């Protein structure tokens, strides 16, 4: 027996960074974000959360972010971020062309 989660929601925020080569001026669609949106909608493998055999449903939405105060919930951020604290996790960054290893 092991614990399991029910009704889990994972929110992934993809943002354009002005100093990155794929960034576009405000108002234009980003090729990088379009790429990730397509990849999430038609993944190479079924998406799962952890060891669960329950498949994941994907919903995408484009939102305008505005500067100002807000609420920070749980997040995964690079450990190079100033003031970053929390549990370190090793996440997949690349997948072999044959898709047999990450």
PDB file of N, CA and C in Angstrom:
ATOM      1  N   UNK A   1       0.830  -1.195   0.000  1.00  0.00           N
ATOM      2  CA  UNK A   1       0.000   0.000   0.000  1.00  0.00           C
ATOM      3  C   UNK A   1       0.868   1.250   0.000  1.00  0.00           C
ATOM      4  N   UNK A   2       0.388   2.268  -0.665  1.00  0.00           N
ATOM      5  CA  UNK A   2       1.066   3.559  -0.633  1.00  0.00           C
ATOM      6  C   UNK A   2       0.017   4.651  -0.726  1.00  0.00           C
ATOM      7  N   UNK A   3       0.388   5.806  -0.217  1.00  0.00           N
ATOM      8  CA  UNK A   3      -0.524   6.945  -0.285  1.00  0.00           C
ATOM      9  C   UNK A   3      -0.677   7.396  -1.734  1.00  0.00           C
ATOM     10  N   UNK A   4      -1.787   8.052  -2.018  1.00  0.00           N
ATOM     11  CA  UNK A   4      -1.980   8.630  -3.337  1.00  0.00           C
ATOM     12  C   UNK A   4      -2.698   9.962  -3.188  1.00  0.00           C
ATOM     13  N   UNK A   5      -2.567  10.773  -4.199  1.00  0.00           N
ATOM     14  CA  UNK A   5      -3.216  12.079  -4.206  1.00  0.00           C
ATOM     15  C   UNK A   5      -4.427  12.023  -5.129  1.00  0.00           C
ATOM     16  N   UNK A   6      -5.447  12.780  -4.783  1.00  0.00           N
ATOM     17  CA  UNK A   6      -6.641  12.860  -5.620  1.00  0.00           C
ATOM     18  C   UNK A   6      -6.899  14.317  -5.980  1.00  0.00           C
ATOM     19  N   UNK A   7      -7.421  14.526  -7.179  1.00  0.00           N
ATOM     20  CA  UNK A   7      -7.761  15.869  -7.662  1.00  0.00           C
ATOM     21  C   UNK A   7      -6.565  16.812  -7.593  1.00  0.00           C
ATOM     22  N   UNK A   8      -5.427  16.358  -8.099  1.00  0.00           N
ATOM     23  CA  UNK A   8      -4.193  17.138  -8.079  1.00  0.00           C
ATOM     24  C   UNK A   8      -4.183  18.103  -9.257  1.00  0.00           C
ATOM     25  N   UNK A   9      -3.720  19.315  -9.025  1.00  0.00           N
ATOM     26  CA  UNK A   9      -3.542  20.296 -10.088  1.00  0.00           C
ATOM     27  C   UNK A   9      -2.093  20.755 -10.086  1.00  0.00           C
ATOM     28  N   UNK A  10      -1.449  20.677 -11.240  1.00  0.00           N
ATOM     29  CA  UNK A  10      -0.089  21.172 -11.410  1.00  0.00           C
ATOM     30  C   UNK A  10      -0.159  22.311 -12.408  1.00  0.00           C
ATOM     31  N   UNK A  11       0.266  23.487 -12.004  1.00  0.00           N
ATOM     32  CA  UNK A  11       0.263  24.647 -12.886  1.00  0.00           C
ATOM     33  C   UNK A  11       1.687  24.919 -13.332  1.00  0.00           C
ATOM     34  N   UNK A  12       1.892  25.002 -14.631  1.00  0.00           N
ATOM     35  CA  UNK A  12       3.210  25.307 -15.187  1.00  0.00           C
ATOM     36  C   UNK A  12       3.106  26.653 -15.882  1.00  0.00           C
ATOM     37  N   UNK A  13       3.931  27.601 -15.456  1.00  0.00           N
ATOM     38  CA  UNK A  13       3.950  28.934 -16.054  1.00  0.00           C
ATOM     39  C   UNK A  13       5.121  29.009 -17.019  1.00  0.00           C
ATOM     40  N   UNK A  14       4.854  29.308 -18.283  1.00  0.00           N
ATOM     41  CA  UNK A  14       5.900  29.536 -19.272  1.00  0.00           C
ATOM     42  C   UNK A  14       5.877  31.015 -19.608  1.00  0.00           C
ATOM     43  N   UNK A  15       7.001  31.673 -19.417  1.00  0.00           N
ATOM     44  CA  UNK A  15       7.059  33.110 -19.676  1.00  0.00           C
ATOM     45  C   UNK A  15       8.182  33.427 -20.644  1.00  0.00           C
ATOM     46  N   UNK A  16       8.024  34.489 -21.402  1.00  0.00           N
ATOM     47  CA  UNK A  16       9.099  34.998 -22.249  1.00  0.00           C
ATOM     48  C   UNK A  16      10.037  35.813 -21.386  1.00  0.00           C
ATOM     49  N   UNK A  17      11.321  35.654 -21.625  1.00  0.00           N
ATOM     50  CA  UNK A  17      12.314  36.464 -20.935  1.00  0.00           C
ATOM     51  C   UNK A  17      12.919  37.412 -21.964  1.00  0.00           C
ATOM     52  N   UNK A  18      12.941  38.731 -21.694  1.00  0.00           N
ATOM     53  CA  UNK A  18      13.427  39.684 -22.688  1.00  0.00           C
ATOM     54  C   UNK A  18      14.874  39.461 -23.104  1.00  0.00           C
ATOM     55  N   UNK A  19      15.682  38.814 -22.251  1.00  0.00           N
ATOM     56  CA  UNK A  19      17.089  38.621 -22.591  1.00  0.00           C
ATOM     57  C   UNK A  19      17.351  37.315 -23.334  1.00  0.00           C
ATOM     58  N   UNK A  20      16.321  36.533 -23.619  1.00  0.00           N
ATOM     59  CA  UNK A  20      16.507  35.280 -24.336  1.00  0.00           C
ATOM     60  C   UNK A  20      16.238  35.497 -25.822  1.00  0.00           C
ATOM     61  N   UNK A  21      16.942  34.744 -26.691  1.00  0.00           N
ATOM     62  CA  UNK A  21      16.819  34.972 -28.132  1.00  0.00           C
ATOM     63  C   UNK A  21      15.431  34.715 -28.703  1.00  0.00           C
ATOM     64  N   UNK A  22      14.605  33.860 -28.070  1.00  0.00           N
ATOM     65  CA  UNK A  22      13.284  33.555 -28.627  1.00  0.00           C
ATOM     66  C   UNK A  22      12.217  34.556 -28.202  1.00  0.00           C
ATOM     67  N   UNK A  23      12.564  35.489 -27.337  1.00  0.00           N
ATOM     68  CA  UNK A  23      11.564  36.435 -26.832  1.00  0.00           C
ATOM     69  C   UNK A  23      11.095  37.364 -27.946  1.00  0.00           C
ATOM     70  N   UNK A  24       9.838  37.765 -27.864  1.00  0.00           N
ATOM     71  CA  UNK A  24       9.267  38.664 -28.859  1.00  0.00           C
ATOM     72  C   UNK A  24       8.701  39.887 -28.153  1.00  0.00           C
ATOM     73  N   UNK A  25       8.539  40.980 -28.887  1.00  0.00           N
ATOM     74  CA  UNK A  25       7.942  42.162 -28.263  1.00  0.00           C
ATOM     75  C   UNK A  25       6.537  41.857 -27.753  1.00  0.00           C
ATOM     76  N   UNK A  26       6.082  42.613 -26.783  1.00  0.00           N
ATOM     77  CA  UNK A  26       4.766  42.405 -26.186  1.00  0.00           C
ATOM     78  C   UNK A  26       3.685  42.408 -27.258  1.00  0.00           C
ATOM     79  N   UNK A  27       2.746  41.497 -27.133  1.00  0.00           N
ATOM     80  CA  UNK A  27       1.643  41.429 -28.084  1.00  0.00           C
ATOM     81  C   UNK A  27       1.842  40.396 -29.175  1.00  0.00           C
ATOM     82  N   UNK A  28       3.084  39.964 -29.425  1.00  0.00           N
ATOM     83  CA  UNK A  28       3.333  38.950 -30.443  1.00  0.00           C
ATOM     84  C   UNK A  28       3.358  37.576 -29.795  1.00  0.00           C
ATOM     85  N   UNK A  29       2.937  36.577 -30.547  1.00  0.00           N
ATOM     86  CA  UNK A  29       2.980  35.207 -30.031  1.00  0.00           C
ATOM     87  C   UNK A  29       4.426  34.728 -30.022  1.00  0.00           C
ATOM     88  N   UNK A  30       4.810  34.072 -28.956  1.00  0.00           N
ATOM     89  CA  UNK A  30       6.159  33.552 -28.823  1.00  0.00           C
ATOM     90  C   UNK A  30       6.256  32.176 -29.468  1.00  0.00           C
ATOM     91  N   UNK A  31       7.249  31.973 -30.323  1.00  0.00           N
ATOM     92  CA  UNK A  31       7.456  30.668 -30.954  1.00  0.00           C
ATOM     93  C   UNK A  31       7.782  29.615 -29.909  1.00  0.00           C
ATOM     94  N   UNK A  32       8.542  29.986 -28.879  1.00  0.00           N
ATOM     95  CA  UNK A  32       8.908  29.028 -27.831  1.00  0.00           C
ATOM     96  C   UNK A  32       7.674  28.579 -27.055  1.00  0.00           C
ATOM     97  N   UNK A  33       6.799  29.504 -26.716  1.00  0.00           N
ATOM     98  CA  UNK A  33       5.597  29.138 -25.965  1.00  0.00           C
ATOM     99  C   UNK A  33       4.647  28.345 -26.855  1.00  0.00           C
ATOM    100  N   UNK A  34       4.547  28.702 -28.131  1.00  0.00           N
ATOM    101  CA  UNK A  34       3.742  27.915 -29.069  1.00  0.00           C
ATOM    102  C   UNK A  34       4.253  26.477 -29.129  1.00  0.00           C
ATOM    103  N   UNK A  35       5.576  26.312 -29.156  1.00  0.00           N
ATOM    104  CA  UNK A  35       6.185  24.981 -29.197  1.00  0.00           C
ATOM    105  C   UNK A  35       5.783  24.160 -27.976  1.00  0.00           C
ATOM    106  N   UNK A  36       5.910  24.743 -26.767  1.00  0.00           N
ATOM    107  CA  UNK A  36       5.567  24.016 -25.541  1.00  0.00           C
ATOM    108  C   UNK A  36       4.080  23.707 -25.473  1.00  0.00           C
ATOM    109  N   UNK A  37       3.260  24.620 -25.951  1.00  0.00           N
ATOM    110  CA  UNK A  37       1.815  24.389 -25.949  1.00  0.00           C
ATOM    111  C   UNK A  37       1.470  23.178 -26.824  1.00  0.00           C
ATOM    112  N   UNK A  38       2.067  23.105 -28.016  1.00  0.00           N
ATOM    113  CA  UNK A  38       1.837  21.953 -28.901  1.00  0.00           C
ATOM    114  C   UNK A  38       2.373  20.663 -28.280  1.00  0.00           C
ATOM    115  N   UNK A  39       3.560  20.740 -27.659  1.00  0.00           N
ATOM    116  CA  UNK A  39       4.171  19.549 -27.056  1.00  0.00           C
ATOM    117  C   UNK A  39       3.321  19.007 -25.907  1.00  0.00           C
ATOM    118  N   UNK A  40       2.728  19.874 -25.120  1.00  0.00           N
ATOM    119  CA  UNK A  40       1.882  19.424 -24.016  1.00  0.00           C
ATOM    120  C   UNK A  40       0.568  18.834 -24.525  1.00  0.00           C
ATOM    121  N   UNK A  41       0.056  19.375 -25.610  1.00  0.00           N
ATOM    122  CA  UNK A  41      -1.203  18.866 -26.157  1.00  0.00           C
ATOM    123  C   UNK A  41      -1.025  17.526 -26.880  1.00  0.00           C
ATOM    124  N   UNK A  42       0.152  17.292 -27.466  1.00  0.00           N
ATOM    125  CA  UNK A  42       0.424  16.038 -28.183  1.00  0.00           C
ATOM    126  C   UNK A  42       1.776  15.488 -27.734  1.00  0.00           C
ATOM    127  N   UNK A  43       1.861  14.982 -26.504  1.00  0.00           N
ATOM    128  CA  UNK A  43       3.145  14.501 -25.977  1.00  0.00           C
ATOM    129  C   UNK A  43       3.593  13.196 -26.645  1.00  0.00           C
ATOM    130  N   UNK A  44       4.904  12.949 -26.606  1.00  0.00           N
ATOM    131  CA  UNK A  44       5.458  11.707 -27.161  1.00  0.00           C
ATOM    132  C   UNK A  44       4.999  10.501 -26.356  1.00  0.00           C
ATOM    133  N   UNK A  45       4.850  10.659 -25.040  1.00  0.00           N
ATOM    134  CA  UNK A  45       4.376   9.599 -24.151  1.00  0.00           C
ATOM    135  C   UNK A  45       3.190  10.125 -23.362  1.00  0.00           C
ATOM    136  N   UNK A  46       2.358   9.228 -22.840  1.00  0.00           N
ATOM    137  CA  UNK A  46       1.270   9.690 -21.970  1.00  0.00           C
ATOM    138  C   UNK A  46       1.832  10.439 -20.762  1.00  0.00           C
ATOM    139  N   UNK A  47       1.211  11.528 -20.393  1.00  0.00           N
ATOM    140  CA  UNK A  47       1.660  12.315 -19.244  1.00  0.00           C
ATOM    141  C   UNK A  47       1.112  11.707 -17.965  1.00  0.00           C
ATOM    142  N   UNK A  48       1.965  11.633 -16.935  1.00  0.00           N
ATOM    143  CA  UNK A  48       1.571  11.099 -15.630  1.00  0.00           C
ATOM    144  C   UNK A  48       2.191  11.965 -14.554  1.00  0.00           C
ATOM    145  N   UNK A  49       1.565  11.964 -13.387  1.00  0.00           N
ATOM    146  CA  UNK A  49       2.144  12.625 -12.217  1.00  0.00           C
ATOM    147  C   UNK A  49       2.751  11.549 -11.329  1.00  0.00           C
ATOM    148  N   UNK A  50       4.064  11.570 -11.173  1.00  0.00           N
ATOM    149  CA  UNK A  50       4.728  10.582 -10.321  1.00  0.00           C
ATOM    150  C   UNK A  50       4.572   9.174 -10.859  1.00  0.00           C
ATOM    151  N   UNK A  51       4.326   8.209  -9.960  1.00  0.00           N
ATOM    152  CA  UNK A  51       4.190   6.807 -10.352  1.00  0.00           C
ATOM    153  C   UNK A  51       2.756   6.450 -10.693  1.00  0.00           C
ATOM    154  N   UNK A  52       1.874   7.405 -10.644  1.00  0.00           N
ATOM    155  CA  UNK A  52       0.455   7.143 -10.873  1.00  0.00           C
ATOM    156  C   UNK A  52       0.210   6.639 -12.288  1.00  0.00           C
ATOM    157  N   UNK A  53      -0.692   5.702 -12.422  1.00  0.00           N
ATOM    158  CA  UNK A  53      -1.092   5.221 -13.737  1.00  0.00           C
ATOM    159  C   UNK A  53      -2.249   6.047 -14.297  1.00  0.00           C
ATOM    160  N   UNK A  54      -2.736   6.997 -13.495  1.00  0.00           N
ATOM    161  CA  UNK A  54      -3.798   7.876 -13.978  1.00  0.00           C
ATOM    162  C   UNK A  54      -3.195   8.879 -14.947  1.00  0.00           C
ATOM    163  N   UNK A  55      -3.812   9.013 -16.080  1.00  0.00           N
ATOM    164  CA  UNK A  55      -3.309   9.947 -17.073  1.00  0.00           C
ATOM    165  C   UNK A  55      -3.623  11.377 -16.676  1.00  0.00           C
ATOM    166  N   UNK A  56      -2.889  12.280 -17.266  1.00  0.00           N
ATOM    167  CA  UNK A  56      -3.008  13.703 -16.973  1.00  0.00           C
ATOM    168  C   UNK A  56      -3.825  14.372 -18.075  1.00  0.00           C
ATOM    169  N   UNK A  57      -4.679  15.295 -17.704  1.00  0.00           N
ATOM    170  CA  UNK A  57      -5.395  16.120 -18.676  1.00  0.00           C
ATOM    171  C   UNK A  57      -4.683  17.468 -18.747  1.00  0.00           C
ATOM    172  N   UNK A  58      -4.524  17.986 -19.951  1.00  0.00           N
ATOM    173  CA  UNK A  58      -3.803  19.249 -20.145  1.00  0.00           C
ATOM    174  C   UNK A  58      -4.772  20.326 -20.595  1.00  0.00           C
ATOM    175  N   UNK A  59      -4.656  21.483 -19.968  1.00  0.00           N
ATOM    176  CA  UNK A  59      -5.410  22.680 -20.343  1.00  0.00           C
ATOM    177  C   UNK A  59      -4.406  23.809 -20.473  1.00  0.00           C
ATOM    178  N   UNK A  60      -4.494  24.589 -21.523  1.00  0.00           N
ATOM    179  CA  UNK A  60      -3.594  25.732 -21.658  1.00  0.00           C
ATOM    180  C   UNK A  60      -4.410  27.014 -21.662  1.00  0.00           C
ATOM    181  N   UNK A  61      -3.796  28.064 -21.167  1.00  0.00           N
ATOM    182  CA  UNK A  61      -4.435  29.385 -21.155  1.00  0.00           C
ATOM    183  C   UNK A  61      -3.346  30.439 -21.256  1.00  0.00           C
ATOM    184  N   UNK A  62      -3.596  31.447 -22.031  1.00  0.00           N
ATOM    185  CA  UNK A  62      -2.658  32.569 -22.141  1.00  0.00           C
ATOM    186  C   UNK A  62      -3.174  33.688 -21.255  1.00  0.00           C
ATOM    187  N   UNK A  63      -2.309  34.183 -20.393  1.00  0.00           N
ATOM    188  CA  UNK A  63      -2.703  35.252 -19.473  1.00  0.00           C
ATOM    189  C   UNK A  63      -1.698  36.388 -19.552  1.00  0.00           C
ATOM    190  N   UNK A  64      -2.169  37.584 -19.296  1.00  0.00           N
ATOM    191  CA  UNK A  64      -1.295  38.753 -19.210  1.00  0.00           C
ATOM    192  C   UNK A  64      -0.837  38.896 -17.773  1.00  0.00           C
ATOM    193  N   UNK A  65       0.452  39.007 -17.579  1.00  0.00           N
ATOM    194  CA  UNK A  65       0.992  39.219 -16.244  1.00  0.00           C
ATOM    195  C   UNK A  65       1.232  40.710 -16.047  1.00  0.00           C
ATOM    196  N   UNK A  66       0.861  41.207 -14.890  1.00  0.00           N
ATOM    197  CA  UNK A  66       1.037  42.626 -14.583  1.00  0.00           C
ATOM    198  C   UNK A  66       1.934  42.765 -13.360  1.00  0.00           C
ATOM    199  N   UNK A  67       2.809  43.766 -13.350  1.00  0.00           N
ATOM    200  CA  UNK A  67       3.641  43.980 -12.166  1.00  0.00           C
ATOM    201  C   UNK A  67       2.783  44.404 -10.982  1.00  0.00           C
ATOM    202  N   UNK A  68       3.238  44.072  -9.798  1.00  0.00           N
ATOM    203  CA  UNK A  68       2.502  44.454  -8.600  1.00  0.00           C
ATOM    204  C   UNK A  68       2.528  43.336  -7.584  1.00  0.00           C
ATOM    205  N   UNK A  69       1.839  43.558  -6.484  1.00  0.00           N
ATOM    206  CA  UNK A  69       1.806  42.548  -5.434  1.00  0.00           C
ATOM    207  C   UNK A  69       0.873  41.418  -5.834  1.00  0.00           C
ATOM    208  N   UNK A  70       1.128  40.260  -5.300  1.00  0.00           N
ATOM    209  CA  UNK A  70       0.309  39.095  -5.597  1.00  0.00           C
ATOM    210  C   UNK A  70       0.543  38.026  -4.554  1.00  0.00           C
ATOM    211  N   UNK A  71       0.000  36.853  -4.792  1.00  0.00           N
ATOM    212  CA  UNK A  71       0.159  35.730  -3.874  1.00  0.00           C
ATOM    213  C   UNK A  71       1.083  34.698  -4.506  1.00  0.00           C
ATOM    214  N   UNK A  72       2.088  34.290  -3.762  1.00  0.00           N
ATOM    215  CA  UNK A  72       3.001  33.246  -4.225  1.00  0.00           C
ATOM    216  C   UNK A  72       2.612  31.933  -3.577  1.00  0.00           C
ATOM    217  N   UNK A  73       2.218  30.974  -4.373  1.00  0.00           N
ATOM    218  CA  UNK A  73       1.900  29.644  -3.855  1.00  0.00           C
ATOM    219  C   UNK A  73       3.135  28.763  -3.944  1.00  0.00           C
ATOM    220  N   UNK A  74       2.917  27.470  -4.029  1.00  0.00           N
ATOM    221  CA  UNK A  74       4.030  26.538  -4.175  1.00  0.00           C
ATOM    222  C   UNK A  74       4.608  26.670  -5.575  1.00  0.00           C
ATOM    223  N   UNK A  75       5.913  26.547  -5.698  1.00  0.00           N
ATOM    224  CA  UNK A  75       6.547  26.712  -6.998  1.00  0.00           C
ATOM    225  C   UNK A  75       7.839  25.914  -7.068  1.00  0.00           C
ATOM    226  N   UNK A  76       8.230  25.560  -8.280  1.00  0.00           N
ATOM    227  CA  UNK A  76       9.545  24.976  -8.536  1.00  0.00           C
ATOM    228  C   UNK A  76      10.344  26.064  -9.233  1.00  0.00           C
ATOM    229  N   UNK A  77      11.470  26.424  -8.643  1.00  0.00           N
ATOM    230  CA  UNK A  77      12.319  27.470  -9.205  1.00  0.00           C
ATOM    231  C   UNK A  77      13.759  26.970  -9.246  1.00  0.00           C
ATOM    232  N   UNK A  78      14.597  27.548 -10.091  1.00  0.00           N
ATOM    233  CA  UNK A  78      16.008  27.157 -10.109  1.00  0.00           C
ATOM    234  C   UNK A  78      16.669  27.470  -8.770  1.00  0.00           C
ATOM    235  N   UNK A  79      17.585  26.593  -8.327  1.00  0.00           N
ATOM    236  CA  UNK A  79      18.248  26.847  -7.043  1.00  0.00           C
ATOM    237  C   UNK A  79      19.245  27.993  -7.136  1.00  0.00           C
ATOM    238  N   UNK A  80      19.462  28.520  -8.331  1.00  0.00           N
ATOM    239  CA  UNK A  80      20.335  29.687  -8.491  1.00  0.00           C
ATOM    240  C   UNK A  80      19.581  30.990  -8.234  1.00  0.00           C
ATOM    241  N   UNK A  81      18.274  30.898  -8.065  1.00  0.00           N
ATOM    242  CA  UNK A  81      17.451  32.075  -7.778  1.00  0.00           C
ATOM    243  C   UNK A  81      17.853  32.646  -6.419  1.00  0.00           C
ATOM    244  N   UNK A  82      18.141  33.952  -6.324  1.00  0.00           N
ATOM    245  CA  UNK A  82      18.506  34.528  -5.024  1.00  0.00           C
ATOM    246  C   UNK A  82      17.409  34.293  -3.986  1.00  0.00           C
ATOM    247  N   UNK A  83      17.797  33.805  -2.817  1.00  0.00           N
ATOM    248  CA  UNK A  83      16.847  33.570  -1.736  1.00  0.00           C
ATOM    249  C   UNK A  83      16.048  32.290  -1.876  1.00  0.00           C
ATOM    250  N   UNK A  84      16.393  31.434  -2.853  1.00  0.00           N
ATOM    251  CA  UNK A  84      15.647  30.190  -3.062  1.00  0.00           C
ATOM    252  C   UNK A  84      15.865  29.238  -1.893  1.00  0.00           C
ATOM    253  N   UNK A  85      14.781  28.686  -1.380  1.00  0.00           N
ATOM    254  CA  UNK A  85      14.860  27.670  -0.328  1.00  0.00           C
ATOM    255  C   UNK A  85      13.885  26.559  -0.666  1.00  0.00           C
ATOM    256  N   UNK A  86      14.059  25.417  -0.052  1.00  0.00           N
ATOM    257  CA  UNK A  86      13.126  24.315  -0.265  1.00  0.00           C
ATOM    258  C   UNK A  86      13.852  23.022  -0.539  1.00  0.00           C
ATOM    259  N   UNK A  87      13.123  22.040  -1.030  1.00  0.00           N
ATOM    260  CA  UNK A  87      13.667  20.723  -1.317  1.00  0.00           C
ATOM    261  C   UNK A  87      14.259  20.705  -2.716  1.00  0.00           C
ATOM    262  N   UNK A  88      15.513  20.283  -2.829  1.00  0.00           N
ATOM    263  CA  UNK A  88      16.137  20.188  -4.151  1.00  0.00           C
ATOM    264  C   UNK A  88      15.598  18.960  -4.870  1.00  0.00           C
ATOM    265  N   UNK A  89      15.282  19.121  -6.153  1.00  0.00           N
ATOM    266  CA  UNK A  89      14.761  18.020  -6.957  1.00  0.00           C
ATOM    267  C   UNK A  89      15.543  17.951  -8.258  1.00  0.00           C
ATOM    268  N   UNK A  90      15.791  16.750  -8.725  1.00  0.00           N
ATOM    269  CA  UNK A  90      16.448  16.572 -10.013  1.00  0.00           C
ATOM    270  C   UNK A  90      15.366  16.280 -11.044  1.00  0.00           C
ATOM    271  N   UNK A  91      15.229  17.154 -12.023  1.00  0.00           N
ATOM    272  CA  UNK A  91      14.184  17.008 -13.035  1.00  0.00           C
ATOM    273  C   UNK A  91      14.805  16.696 -14.390  1.00  0.00           C
ATOM    274  N   UNK A  92      14.077  16.009 -15.230  1.00  0.00           N
ATOM    275  CA  UNK A  92      14.550  15.675 -16.565  1.00  0.00           C
ATOM    276  C   UNK A  92      14.774  16.944 -17.368  1.00  0.00           C
ATOM    277  N   UNK A  93      15.932  17.035 -18.013  1.00  0.00           N
ATOM    278  CA  UNK A  93      16.216  18.194 -18.855  1.00  0.00           C
ATOM    279  C   UNK A  93      16.367  17.810 -20.320  1.00  0.00           C
ATOM    280  N   UNK A  94      16.597  16.520 -20.587  1.00  0.00           N
ATOM    281  CA  UNK A  94      16.770  16.071 -21.967  1.00  0.00           C
ATOM    282  C   UNK A  94      16.343  14.610 -22.076  1.00  0.00           C
ATOM    283  N   UNK A  95      15.924  14.220 -23.264  1.00  0.00           N
ATOM    284  CA  UNK A  95      15.517  12.840 -23.522  1.00  0.00           C
ATOM    285  C   UNK A  95      16.300  12.347 -24.730  1.00  0.00           C
ATOM    286  N   UNK A  96      16.846  11.125 -24.648  1.00  0.00           N
ATOM    287  CA  UNK A  96      17.618  10.556 -25.749  1.00  0.00           C
ATOM    288  C   UNK A  96      16.751  10.434 -26.999  1.00  0.00           C
ATOM    289  N   UNK A  97      17.383  10.552 -28.154  1.00  0.00           N
ATOM    290  CA  UNK A  97      16.664  10.467 -29.422  1.00  0.00           C
ATOM    291  C   UNK A  97      15.884   9.158 -29.523  1.00  0.00           C
ATOM    292  N   UNK A  98      16.438   8.051 -29.014  1.00  0.00           N
ATOM    293  CA  UNK A  98      15.745   6.765 -29.046  1.00  0.00           C
ATOM    294  C   UNK A  98      14.678   6.676 -27.951  1.00  0.00           C
ATOM    295  N   UNK A  99      14.610   7.668 -27.077  1.00  0.00           N
ATOM    296  CA  UNK A  99      13.632   7.766 -25.994  1.00  0.00           C
ATOM    297  C   UNK A  99      13.767   6.636 -24.974  1.00  0.00           C
ATOM    298  N   UNK A 100      14.965   6.041 -24.870  1.00  0.00           N
ATOM    299  CA  UNK A 100      15.165   4.962 -23.916  1.00  0.00           C
ATOM    300  C   UNK A 100      15.791   5.437 -22.609  1.00  0.00           C
ATOM    301  N   UNK A 101      16.197   6.688 -22.541  1.00  0.00           N
ATOM    302  CA  UNK A 101      16.771   7.240 -21.307  1.00  0.00           C
ATOM    303  C   UNK A 101      16.589   8.748 -21.296  1.00  0.00           C
ATOM    304  N   UNK A 102      16.670   9.311 -20.081  1.00  0.00           N
ATOM    305  CA  UNK A 102      16.553  10.769 -19.943  1.00  0.00           C
ATOM    306  C   UNK A 102      17.876  11.351 -19.546  1.00  0.00           C
TER     307      UNK A 102
END
